């Protein structure tokens, strides 16, 4: 069966599907509303389907239209990536990989990974962006990023998750705090302290795990501040606004104003995982996933 469709029909359809308003879509496309309506009608006739229900100036996608919106959006993203990769090849590059990551992954995991990868693939461009877990999920589903590093236990269908680092937590204290590794016995020694924690919106599952540490220690923490950056936590701890708990990979041995005590006697551990979209066709993605698998990076 042959369909007399062009790329412009798809772009017109997606504009209306996103706006659900022909006039607004036409304005964004810089064409007339009657012209846009005619193009959508041509597309419906060519496919033999109904894409929109129009009632009393309301526009709704049919179930066929909804399906096409989702599939065409996804596949056009892949097409854009293919064209972008072709341009990189023309410019002498082998490709580009877009990373999303939580801050702790940049301490060692990602730098080590890039050093190893560029040994065999020196002509790759990398885009690196610190993002919370939710933003990474959104970016992976839309294929705005190719690979993520998250602290999550469950992910949406279509995404793959592989744990790469399981680690203990550490207390973060001002350097002059009376507690140290030799006299620290249990977390309840800090029950009257103010705690500075990562914001639950940054990673709900991570936050719940930290709260479970307090539950097992028999007290509810006094939480004075929430933030999304380790650097902010350390600045607050340095200035005696409270103490904190962070993953061991965030230990900063070069900061003389704070100290860390590893919580190696508690059961809770936090897991850093690599995550990607199974439908992502970026050829560089498979190469770096192969390296992660072969090196068993942990």
C-alpha atoms as a PDB file:
ATOM      1  CA  UNK A   1       0.000   0.000   0.000  1.00  0.00           C
ATOM      2  CA  UNK A   2       1.401   3.415  -0.956  1.00  0.00           C
ATOM      3  CA  UNK A   3       0.759   6.553   1.083  1.00  0.00           C
ATOM      4  CA  UNK A   4       1.191   9.931  -0.608  1.00  0.00           C
ATOM      5  CA  UNK A   5       2.593  11.641   2.481  1.00  0.00           C
ATOM      6  CA  UNK A   6       5.455  14.065   2.914  1.00  0.00           C
ATOM      7  CA  UNK A   7       7.354  15.161   6.004  1.00  0.00           C
ATOM      8  CA  UNK A   8       5.357  18.387   6.070  1.00  0.00           C
ATOM      9  CA  UNK A   9       2.135  16.403   6.627  1.00  0.00           C
ATOM     10  CA  UNK A  10       3.669  14.813   9.704  1.00  0.00           C
ATOM     11  CA  UNK A  11       4.869  18.174  11.044  1.00  0.00           C
ATOM     12  CA  UNK A  12       1.431  19.700  10.458  1.00  0.00           C
ATOM     13  CA  UNK A  13      -0.276  16.782  12.190  1.00  0.00           C
ATOM     14  CA  UNK A  14       2.033  16.943  15.214  1.00  0.00           C
ATOM     15  CA  UNK A  15       1.514  20.690  15.538  1.00  0.00           C
ATOM     16  CA  UNK A  16      -2.268  20.230  15.736  1.00  0.00           C
ATOM     17  CA  UNK A  17      -1.901  17.162  17.970  1.00  0.00           C
ATOM     18  CA  UNK A  18       0.163  19.161  20.443  1.00  0.00           C
ATOM     19  CA  UNK A  19      -1.957  22.307  20.373  1.00  0.00           C
ATOM     20  CA  UNK A  20      -5.376  20.670  19.904  1.00  0.00           C
ATOM     21  CA  UNK A  21      -6.296  23.962  18.255  1.00  0.00           C
ATOM     22  CA  UNK A  22      -6.089  24.558  14.503  1.00  0.00           C
ATOM     23  CA  UNK A  23      -5.663  28.341  14.666  1.00  0.00           C
ATOM     24  CA  UNK A  24      -2.859  28.206  17.233  1.00  0.00           C
ATOM     25  CA  UNK A  25      -1.121  25.418  15.311  1.00  0.00           C
ATOM     26  CA  UNK A  26      -1.420  27.378  12.059  1.00  0.00           C
ATOM     27  CA  UNK A  27       0.108  30.457  13.705  1.00  0.00           C
ATOM     28  CA  UNK A  28       3.072  28.427  14.929  1.00  0.00           C
ATOM     29  CA  UNK A  29       3.537  26.944  11.459  1.00  0.00           C
ATOM     30  CA  UNK A  30       3.137  30.330   9.742  1.00  0.00           C
ATOM     31  CA  UNK A  31       0.445  29.025   7.401  1.00  0.00           C
ATOM     32  CA  UNK A  32      -3.255  29.801   7.048  1.00  0.00           C
ATOM     33  CA  UNK A  33      -5.797  27.889   9.107  1.00  0.00           C
ATOM     34  CA  UNK A  34      -7.741  26.718   6.010  1.00  0.00           C
ATOM     35  CA  UNK A  35      -4.472  25.544   4.462  1.00  0.00           C
ATOM     36  CA  UNK A  36      -3.609  23.569   7.600  1.00  0.00           C
ATOM     37  CA  UNK A  37      -7.071  21.998   7.739  1.00  0.00           C
ATOM     38  CA  UNK A  38      -6.706  20.960   4.098  1.00  0.00           C
ATOM     39  CA  UNK A  39      -3.319  19.335   4.761  1.00  0.00           C
ATOM     40  CA  UNK A  40      -4.731  17.364   7.717  1.00  0.00           C
ATOM     41  CA  UNK A  41      -7.697  16.250   5.585  1.00  0.00           C
ATOM     42  CA  UNK A  42      -5.287  15.109   2.846  1.00  0.00           C
ATOM     43  CA  UNK A  43      -3.343  13.097   5.410  1.00  0.00           C
ATOM     44  CA  UNK A  44      -6.508  11.460   6.764  1.00  0.00           C
ATOM     45  CA  UNK A  45      -7.674  10.564   3.279  1.00  0.00           C
ATOM     46  CA  UNK A  46      -4.283   9.185   2.284  1.00  0.00           C
ATOM     47  CA  UNK A  47      -4.113   6.969   5.384  1.00  0.00           C
ATOM     48  CA  UNK A  48      -7.811   6.117   5.404  1.00  0.00           C
ATOM     49  CA  UNK A  49      -8.131   7.043   9.082  1.00  0.00           C
ATOM     50  CA  UNK A  50      -9.680   9.760  11.231  1.00  0.00           C
ATOM     51  CA  UNK A  51      -7.094  11.658  13.263  1.00  0.00           C
ATOM     52  CA  UNK A  52      -9.199  14.272  15.083  1.00  0.00           C
ATOM     53  CA  UNK A  53     -12.698  14.638  16.448  1.00  0.00           C
ATOM     54  CA  UNK A  54     -14.029  18.173  15.964  1.00  0.00           C
ATOM     55  CA  UNK A  55     -17.041  19.232  18.054  1.00  0.00           C
ATOM     56  CA  UNK A  56     -18.133  22.783  18.874  1.00  0.00           C
ATOM     57  CA  UNK A  57     -14.674  24.190  18.203  1.00  0.00           C
ATOM     58  CA  UNK A  58     -13.119  21.531  20.409  1.00  0.00           C
ATOM     59  CA  UNK A  59     -10.432  19.361  18.875  1.00  0.00           C
ATOM     60  CA  UNK A  60      -9.559  15.961  20.298  1.00  0.00           C
ATOM     61  CA  UNK A  61      -7.308  13.211  19.075  1.00  0.00           C
ATOM     62  CA  UNK A  62      -8.966   9.957  18.109  1.00  0.00           C
ATOM     63  CA  UNK A  63      -7.357   6.789  19.448  1.00  0.00           C
ATOM     64  CA  UNK A  64      -5.690   6.451  16.039  1.00  0.00           C
ATOM     65  CA  UNK A  65      -4.464  10.034  16.262  1.00  0.00           C
ATOM     66  CA  UNK A  66      -3.100   9.479  19.751  1.00  0.00           C
ATOM     67  CA  UNK A  67      -1.201   6.400  18.575  1.00  0.00           C
ATOM     68  CA  UNK A  68       0.292   8.267  15.609  1.00  0.00           C
ATOM     69  CA  UNK A  69       1.261  11.228  17.787  1.00  0.00           C
ATOM     70  CA  UNK A  70       3.240   9.008  20.154  1.00  0.00           C
ATOM     71  CA  UNK A  71       4.901   6.913  17.445  1.00  0.00           C
ATOM     72  CA  UNK A  72       5.699   9.755  15.064  1.00  0.00           C
ATOM     73  CA  UNK A  73       7.141  11.894  17.875  1.00  0.00           C
ATOM     74  CA  UNK A  74       9.398   9.038  18.931  1.00  0.00           C
ATOM     75  CA  UNK A  75      10.493   8.148  15.417  1.00  0.00           C
ATOM     76  CA  UNK A  76      11.089  11.733  14.334  1.00  0.00           C
ATOM     77  CA  UNK A  77      13.391  12.045  17.320  1.00  0.00           C
ATOM     78  CA  UNK A  78      15.326   9.070  15.994  1.00  0.00           C
ATOM     79  CA  UNK A  79      15.395  10.647  12.530  1.00  0.00           C
ATOM     80  CA  UNK A  80      16.788  13.882  13.964  1.00  0.00           C
ATOM     81  CA  UNK A  81      19.470  11.867  15.747  1.00  0.00           C
ATOM     82  CA  UNK A  82      20.387  10.087  12.505  1.00  0.00           C
ATOM     83  CA  UNK A  83      20.779  13.384  10.631  1.00  0.00           C
ATOM     84  CA  UNK A  84      22.781  14.851  13.516  1.00  0.00           C
ATOM     85  CA  UNK A  85      25.075  11.828  13.531  1.00  0.00           C
ATOM     86  CA  UNK A  86      25.580  12.169   9.779  1.00  0.00           C
ATOM     87  CA  UNK A  87      26.618  15.811  10.243  1.00  0.00           C
ATOM     88  CA  UNK A  88      29.104  14.787  12.956  1.00  0.00           C
ATOM     89  CA  UNK A  89      30.629  12.239  10.574  1.00  0.00           C
ATOM     90  CA  UNK A  90      30.968  14.944   7.931  1.00  0.00           C
ATOM     91  CA  UNK A  91      32.768  17.114  10.499  1.00  0.00           C
ATOM     92  CA  UNK A  92      35.254  14.362  11.318  1.00  0.00           C
ATOM     93  CA  UNK A  93      33.572  13.177  14.509  1.00  0.00           C
ATOM     94  CA  UNK A  94      32.412   9.623  15.143  1.00  0.00           C
ATOM     95  CA  UNK A  95      29.325  10.702  17.077  1.00  0.00           C
ATOM     96  CA  UNK A  96      27.969  12.358  20.201  1.00  0.00           C
ATOM     97  CA  UNK A  97      26.692  10.982  23.506  1.00  0.00           C
ATOM     98  CA  UNK A  98      24.523  13.026  25.850  1.00  0.00           C
ATOM     99  CA  UNK A  99      24.816  12.208  29.548  1.00  0.00           C
ATOM    100  CA  UNK A 100      22.510  12.961  32.447  1.00  0.00           C
ATOM    101  CA  UNK A 101      23.721  12.199  35.949  1.00  0.00           C
ATOM    102  CA  UNK A 102      23.248  12.717  39.673  1.00  0.00           C
ATOM    103  CA  UNK A 103      26.167  14.554  41.233  1.00  0.00           C
ATOM    104  CA  UNK A 104      27.832  11.574  42.895  1.00  0.00           C
ATOM    105  CA  UNK A 105      28.374   9.865  39.528  1.00  0.00           C
ATOM    106  CA  UNK A 106      30.757  12.650  38.521  1.00  0.00           C
ATOM    107  CA  UNK A 107      33.118  12.013  41.435  1.00  0.00           C
ATOM    108  CA  UNK A 108      34.694   8.927  39.879  1.00  0.00           C
ATOM    109  CA  UNK A 109      32.341   6.740  37.831  1.00  0.00           C
ATOM    110  CA  UNK A 110      31.847   9.034  34.817  1.00  0.00           C
ATOM    111  CA  UNK A 111      35.414  10.416  34.651  1.00  0.00           C
ATOM    112  CA  UNK A 112      36.839   6.870  34.753  1.00  0.00           C
ATOM    113  CA  UNK A 113      34.345   5.759  32.126  1.00  0.00           C
ATOM    114  CA  UNK A 114      35.216   8.607  29.759  1.00  0.00           C
ATOM    115  CA  UNK A 115      38.953   8.082  30.171  1.00  0.00           C
ATOM    116  CA  UNK A 116      38.577   4.399  29.261  1.00  0.00           C
ATOM    117  CA  UNK A 117      36.157   5.058  26.414  1.00  0.00           C
ATOM    118  CA  UNK A 118      38.179   7.784  24.692  1.00  0.00           C
ATOM    119  CA  UNK A 119      41.220   5.508  24.492  1.00  0.00           C
ATOM    120  CA  UNK A 120      39.521   3.606  21.660  1.00  0.00           C
ATOM    121  CA  UNK A 121      37.070   6.319  20.570  1.00  0.00           C
ATOM    122  CA  UNK A 122      38.904   9.662  20.606  1.00  0.00           C
ATOM    123  CA  UNK A 123      36.561  11.453  18.208  1.00  0.00           C
ATOM    124  CA  UNK A 124      33.390  11.391  20.292  1.00  0.00           C
ATOM    125  CA  UNK A 125      31.682  14.537  21.558  1.00  0.00           C
ATOM    126  CA  UNK A 126      30.207  14.340  25.060  1.00  0.00           C
ATOM    127  CA  UNK A 127      27.496  16.493  26.579  1.00  0.00           C
ATOM    128  CA  UNK A 128      27.323  16.240  30.380  1.00  0.00           C
ATOM    129  CA  UNK A 129      24.442  17.629  32.431  1.00  0.00           C
ATOM    130  CA  UNK A 130      23.691  17.148  36.115  1.00  0.00           C
ATOM    131  CA  UNK A 131      20.000  16.321  36.466  1.00  0.00           C
ATOM    132  CA  UNK A 132      17.739  14.870  39.129  1.00  0.00           C
ATOM    133  CA  UNK A 133      16.271  11.405  38.607  1.00  0.00           C
ATOM    134  CA  UNK A 134      12.931  12.662  37.297  1.00  0.00           C
ATOM    135  CA  UNK A 135      14.529  14.954  34.708  1.00  0.00           C
ATOM    136  CA  UNK A 136      16.736  12.096  33.542  1.00  0.00           C
ATOM    137  CA  UNK A 137      13.721   9.822  33.068  1.00  0.00           C
ATOM    138  CA  UNK A 138      12.005  12.532  31.017  1.00  0.00           C
ATOM    139  CA  UNK A 139      15.163  13.136  29.001  1.00  0.00           C
ATOM    140  CA  UNK A 140      15.666   9.450  28.263  1.00  0.00           C
ATOM    141  CA  UNK A 141      12.067   8.914  27.194  1.00  0.00           C
ATOM    142  CA  UNK A 142      12.238  11.923  24.847  1.00  0.00           C
ATOM    143  CA  UNK A 143      15.788  10.908  23.806  1.00  0.00           C
ATOM    144  CA  UNK A 144      17.153  14.317  24.702  1.00  0.00           C
ATOM    145  CA  UNK A 145      19.818  12.397  26.618  1.00  0.00           C
ATOM    146  CA  UNK A 146      21.253   9.005  25.672  1.00  0.00           C
ATOM    147  CA  UNK A 147      22.410   7.631  29.003  1.00  0.00           C
ATOM    148  CA  UNK A 148      21.770   8.456  32.646  1.00  0.00           C
ATOM    149  CA  UNK A 149      23.190   7.723  36.067  1.00  0.00           C
ATOM    150  CA  UNK A 150      20.470   7.557  38.696  1.00  0.00           C
ATOM    151  CA  UNK A 151      19.576   6.390  42.162  1.00  0.00           C
ATOM    152  CA  UNK A 152      16.327   4.605  41.393  1.00  0.00           C
ATOM    153  CA  UNK A 153      14.908   1.151  42.006  1.00  0.00           C
ATOM    154  CA  UNK A 154      12.123   1.173  39.412  1.00  0.00           C
ATOM    155  CA  UNK A 155      11.904   2.782  35.982  1.00  0.00           C
ATOM    156  CA  UNK A 156       9.152   3.200  33.363  1.00  0.00           C
ATOM    157  CA  UNK A 157       8.611   0.599  30.677  1.00  0.00           C
ATOM    158  CA  UNK A 158      10.997   1.021  27.789  1.00  0.00           C
ATOM    159  CA  UNK A 159      13.948   2.008  29.949  1.00  0.00           C
ATOM    160  CA  UNK A 160      16.717  -0.349  31.054  1.00  0.00           C
ATOM    161  CA  UNK A 161      18.417  -0.114  34.447  1.00  0.00           C
ATOM    162  CA  UNK A 162      21.731  -1.710  35.445  1.00  0.00           C
ATOM    163  CA  UNK A 163      23.249  -1.252  38.950  1.00  0.00           C
ATOM    164  CA  UNK A 164      26.925  -0.338  38.788  1.00  0.00           C
ATOM    165  CA  UNK A 165      27.806   0.793  42.326  1.00  0.00           C
ATOM    166  CA  UNK A 166      26.478  -0.285  45.731  1.00  0.00           C
ATOM    167  CA  UNK A 167      27.921   1.778  48.552  1.00  0.00           C
ATOM    168  CA  UNK A 168      27.424   2.734  52.211  1.00  0.00           C
ATOM    169  CA  UNK A 169      26.367   6.115  53.552  1.00  0.00           C
ATOM    170  CA  UNK A 170      28.553   8.580  55.418  1.00  0.00           C
ATOM    171  CA  UNK A 171      27.868  11.189  58.061  1.00  0.00           C
ATOM    172  CA  UNK A 172      29.002  14.713  57.242  1.00  0.00           C
ATOM    173  CA  UNK A 173      30.027  16.818  60.260  1.00  0.00           C
ATOM    174  CA  UNK A 174      31.776  20.148  60.824  1.00  0.00           C
ATOM    175  CA  UNK A 175      35.482  19.559  61.423  1.00  0.00           C
ATOM    176  CA  UNK A 176      35.237  20.790  65.034  1.00  0.00           C
ATOM    177  CA  UNK A 177      32.252  18.558  65.912  1.00  0.00           C
ATOM    178  CA  UNK A 178      32.988  16.457  69.035  1.00  0.00           C
ATOM    179  CA  UNK A 179      31.979  13.219  67.302  1.00  0.00           C
ATOM    180  CA  UNK A 180      34.605  11.396  65.271  1.00  0.00           C
ATOM    181  CA  UNK A 181      35.248   7.889  63.954  1.00  0.00           C
ATOM    182  CA  UNK A 182      36.594   6.710  67.335  1.00  0.00           C
ATOM    183  CA  UNK A 183      33.749   7.863  69.595  1.00  0.00           C
ATOM    184  CA  UNK A 184      30.825   7.476  67.192  1.00  0.00           C
ATOM    185  CA  UNK A 185      28.672   4.510  68.210  1.00  0.00           C
ATOM    186  CA  UNK A 186      25.199   5.056  66.769  1.00  0.00           C
ATOM    187  CA  UNK A 187      23.194   7.632  64.870  1.00  0.00           C
ATOM    188  CA  UNK A 188      20.990   8.394  67.893  1.00  0.00           C
ATOM    189  CA  UNK A 189      23.934  10.369  69.277  1.00  0.00           C
ATOM    190  CA  UNK A 190      22.847  13.023  66.782  1.00  0.00           C
ATOM    191  CA  UNK A 191      19.115  12.982  67.531  1.00  0.00           C
ATOM    192  CA  UNK A 192      19.165  16.609  68.727  1.00  0.00           C
ATOM    193  CA  UNK A 193      21.117  17.879  65.707  1.00  0.00           C
ATOM    194  CA  UNK A 194      19.666  19.576  62.662  1.00  0.00           C
ATOM    195  CA  UNK A 195      20.017  17.552  59.451  1.00  0.00           C
ATOM    196  CA  UNK A 196      20.596  18.835  55.926  1.00  0.00           C
ATOM    197  CA  UNK A 197      19.388  16.280  53.377  1.00  0.00           C
ATOM    198  CA  UNK A 198      18.993  15.906  49.650  1.00  0.00           C
ATOM    199  CA  UNK A 199      15.577  17.133  48.560  1.00  0.00           C
ATOM    200  CA  UNK A 200      13.052  14.276  48.208  1.00  0.00           C
ATOM    201  CA  UNK A 201      12.145  15.597  44.747  1.00  0.00           C
ATOM    202  CA  UNK A 202      15.736  14.915  43.674  1.00  0.00           C
ATOM    203  CA  UNK A 203      15.206  11.207  44.344  1.00  0.00           C
ATOM    204  CA  UNK A 204      12.211   9.983  46.307  1.00  0.00           C
ATOM    205  CA  UNK A 205      13.547   6.430  46.674  1.00  0.00           C
ATOM    206  CA  UNK A 206      16.936   7.674  47.897  1.00  0.00           C
ATOM    207  CA  UNK A 207      15.229   9.990  50.410  1.00  0.00           C
ATOM    208  CA  UNK A 208      13.073   7.137  51.706  1.00  0.00           C
ATOM    209  CA  UNK A 209      16.177   5.017  52.236  1.00  0.00           C
ATOM    210  CA  UNK A 210      17.822   7.777  54.268  1.00  0.00           C
ATOM    211  CA  UNK A 211      14.674   8.188  56.369  1.00  0.00           C
ATOM    212  CA  UNK A 212      14.742   4.416  56.973  1.00  0.00           C
ATOM    213  CA  UNK A 213      18.173   4.907  58.566  1.00  0.00           C
ATOM    214  CA  UNK A 214      16.612   7.259  61.108  1.00  0.00           C
ATOM    215  CA  UNK A 215      13.663   4.909  61.651  1.00  0.00           C
ATOM    216  CA  UNK A 216      16.046   2.064  62.483  1.00  0.00           C
ATOM    217  CA  UNK A 217      17.923   4.380  64.833  1.00  0.00           C
ATOM    218  CA  UNK A 218      14.738   5.121  66.786  1.00  0.00           C
ATOM    219  CA  UNK A 219      14.230   8.832  66.141  1.00  0.00           C
ATOM    220  CA  UNK A 220      12.828  11.285  63.613  1.00  0.00           C
ATOM    221  CA  UNK A 221      15.389  13.763  62.330  1.00  0.00           C
ATOM    222  CA  UNK A 222      15.105  17.521  62.684  1.00  0.00           C
ATOM    223  CA  UNK A 223      15.409  18.483  59.015  1.00  0.00           C
ATOM    224  CA  UNK A 224      16.422  22.123  58.720  1.00  0.00           C
ATOM    225  CA  UNK A 225      17.323  22.267  55.016  1.00  0.00           C
ATOM    226  CA  UNK A 226      16.769  20.317  51.811  1.00  0.00           C
ATOM    227  CA  UNK A 227      18.936  20.872  48.749  1.00  0.00           C
ATOM    228  CA  UNK A 228      19.819  19.150  45.478  1.00  0.00           C
ATOM    229  CA  UNK A 229      23.591  19.749  45.421  1.00  0.00           C
ATOM    230  CA  UNK A 230      26.281  18.163  47.565  1.00  0.00           C
ATOM    231  CA  UNK A 231      28.239  21.417  47.437  1.00  0.00           C
ATOM    232  CA  UNK A 232      25.340  23.231  49.092  1.00  0.00           C
ATOM    233  CA  UNK A 233      25.163  20.576  51.801  1.00  0.00           C
ATOM    234  CA  UNK A 234      28.865  20.935  52.532  1.00  0.00           C
ATOM    235  CA  UNK A 235      28.678  24.734  52.708  1.00  0.00           C
ATOM    236  CA  UNK A 236      25.804  24.523  55.189  1.00  0.00           C
ATOM    237  CA  UNK A 237      27.638  21.931  57.299  1.00  0.00           C
ATOM    238  CA  UNK A 238      30.834  24.036  57.222  1.00  0.00           C
ATOM    239  CA  UNK A 239      28.889  26.975  58.641  1.00  0.00           C
ATOM    240  CA  UNK A 240      27.280  24.909  61.409  1.00  0.00           C
ATOM    241  CA  UNK A 241      23.758  24.886  60.032  1.00  0.00           C
ATOM    242  CA  UNK A 242      23.560  21.150  60.687  1.00  0.00           C
ATOM    243  CA  UNK A 243      24.960  17.743  59.791  1.00  0.00           C
ATOM    244  CA  UNK A 244      24.166  15.448  56.895  1.00  0.00           C
ATOM    245  CA  UNK A 245      24.185  11.952  55.411  1.00  0.00           C
ATOM    246  CA  UNK A 246      25.508  11.345  51.877  1.00  0.00           C
ATOM    247  CA  UNK A 247      26.664   8.397  49.733  1.00  0.00           C
ATOM    248  CA  UNK A 248      30.293   7.415  50.273  1.00  0.00           C
ATOM    249  CA  UNK A 249      31.147   8.381  46.681  1.00  0.00           C
ATOM    250  CA  UNK A 250      30.509  12.023  47.618  1.00  0.00           C
ATOM    251  CA  UNK A 251      33.220  12.086  50.279  1.00  0.00           C
ATOM    252  CA  UNK A 252      35.382  15.169  49.709  1.00  0.00           C
ATOM    253  CA  UNK A 253      38.776  14.492  51.250  1.00  0.00           C
ATOM    254  CA  UNK A 254      40.070  17.893  50.137  1.00  0.00           C
ATOM    255  CA  UNK A 255      37.609  19.874  52.247  1.00  0.00           C
ATOM    256  CA  UNK A 256      39.360  20.602  55.542  1.00  0.00           C
ATOM    257  CA  UNK A 257      36.270  22.230  57.073  1.00  0.00           C
ATOM    258  CA  UNK A 258      34.186  19.059  57.268  1.00  0.00           C
ATOM    259  CA  UNK A 259      34.740  15.412  58.158  1.00  0.00           C
ATOM    260  CA  UNK A 260      33.084  12.148  57.215  1.00  0.00           C
ATOM    261  CA  UNK A 261      32.203   9.067  59.243  1.00  0.00           C
ATOM    262  CA  UNK A 262      31.305   5.953  57.269  1.00  0.00           C
ATOM    263  CA  UNK A 263      28.083   4.282  58.433  1.00  0.00           C
ATOM    264  CA  UNK A 264      29.324   0.780  57.696  1.00  0.00           C
ATOM    265  CA  UNK A 265      27.400  -0.913  60.511  1.00  0.00           C
ATOM    266  CA  UNK A 266      23.919  -0.096  59.230  1.00  0.00           C
ATOM    267  CA  UNK A 267      22.083  -2.279  56.719  1.00  0.00           C
ATOM    268  CA  UNK A 268      21.118   0.471  54.271  1.00  0.00           C
ATOM    269  CA  UNK A 269      23.159   0.864  51.122  1.00  0.00           C
ATOM    270  CA  UNK A 270      22.552   3.171  48.186  1.00  0.00           C
ATOM    271  CA  UNK A 271      22.830   1.998  44.589  1.00  0.00           C
ATOM    272  CA  UNK A 272      23.963   4.013  41.597  1.00  0.00           C
ATOM    273  CA  UNK A 273      22.659   2.640  38.305  1.00  0.00           C
ATOM    274  CA  UNK A 274      23.170   3.339  34.626  1.00  0.00           C
ATOM    275  CA  UNK A 275      19.943   3.798  32.680  1.00  0.00           C
ATOM    276  CA  UNK A 276      19.089   4.049  28.980  1.00  0.00           C
ATOM    277  CA  UNK A 277      16.230   3.880  26.495  1.00  0.00           C
ATOM    278  CA  UNK A 278      15.987   0.548  24.656  1.00  0.00           C
ATOM    279  CA  UNK A 279      14.696   2.353  21.551  1.00  0.00           C
ATOM    280  CA  UNK A 280      17.628   4.761  21.363  1.00  0.00           C
ATOM    281  CA  UNK A 281      19.454   4.144  18.066  1.00  0.00           C
ATOM    282  CA  UNK A 282      22.561   6.209  18.798  1.00  0.00           C
ATOM    283  CA  UNK A 283      25.369   3.815  17.736  1.00  0.00           C
ATOM    284  CA  UNK A 284      27.710   5.273  20.369  1.00  0.00           C
ATOM    285  CA  UNK A 285      25.342   4.233  23.156  1.00  0.00           C
ATOM    286  CA  UNK A 286      25.850   0.522  22.527  1.00  0.00           C
ATOM    287  CA  UNK A 287      29.613   0.999  22.489  1.00  0.00           C
ATOM    288  CA  UNK A 288      29.699   2.628  25.909  1.00  0.00           C
ATOM    289  CA  UNK A 289      27.229   0.118  27.359  1.00  0.00           C
ATOM    290  CA  UNK A 290      29.508  -2.668  26.125  1.00  0.00           C
ATOM    291  CA  UNK A 291      32.426  -1.021  27.915  1.00  0.00           C
ATOM    292  CA  UNK A 292      30.416  -0.726  31.139  1.00  0.00           C
ATOM    293  CA  UNK A 293      29.487  -4.404  30.881  1.00  0.00           C
ATOM    294  CA  UNK A 294      32.986  -5.634  30.001  1.00  0.00           C
ATOM    295  CA  UNK A 295      34.785  -3.518  32.579  1.00  0.00           C
ATOM    296  CA  UNK A 296      32.128  -4.278  35.192  1.00  0.00           C
ATOM    297  CA  UNK A 297      32.506  -0.703  36.347  1.00  0.00           C
ATOM    298  CA  UNK A 298      31.840  -0.402  40.051  1.00  0.00           C
END
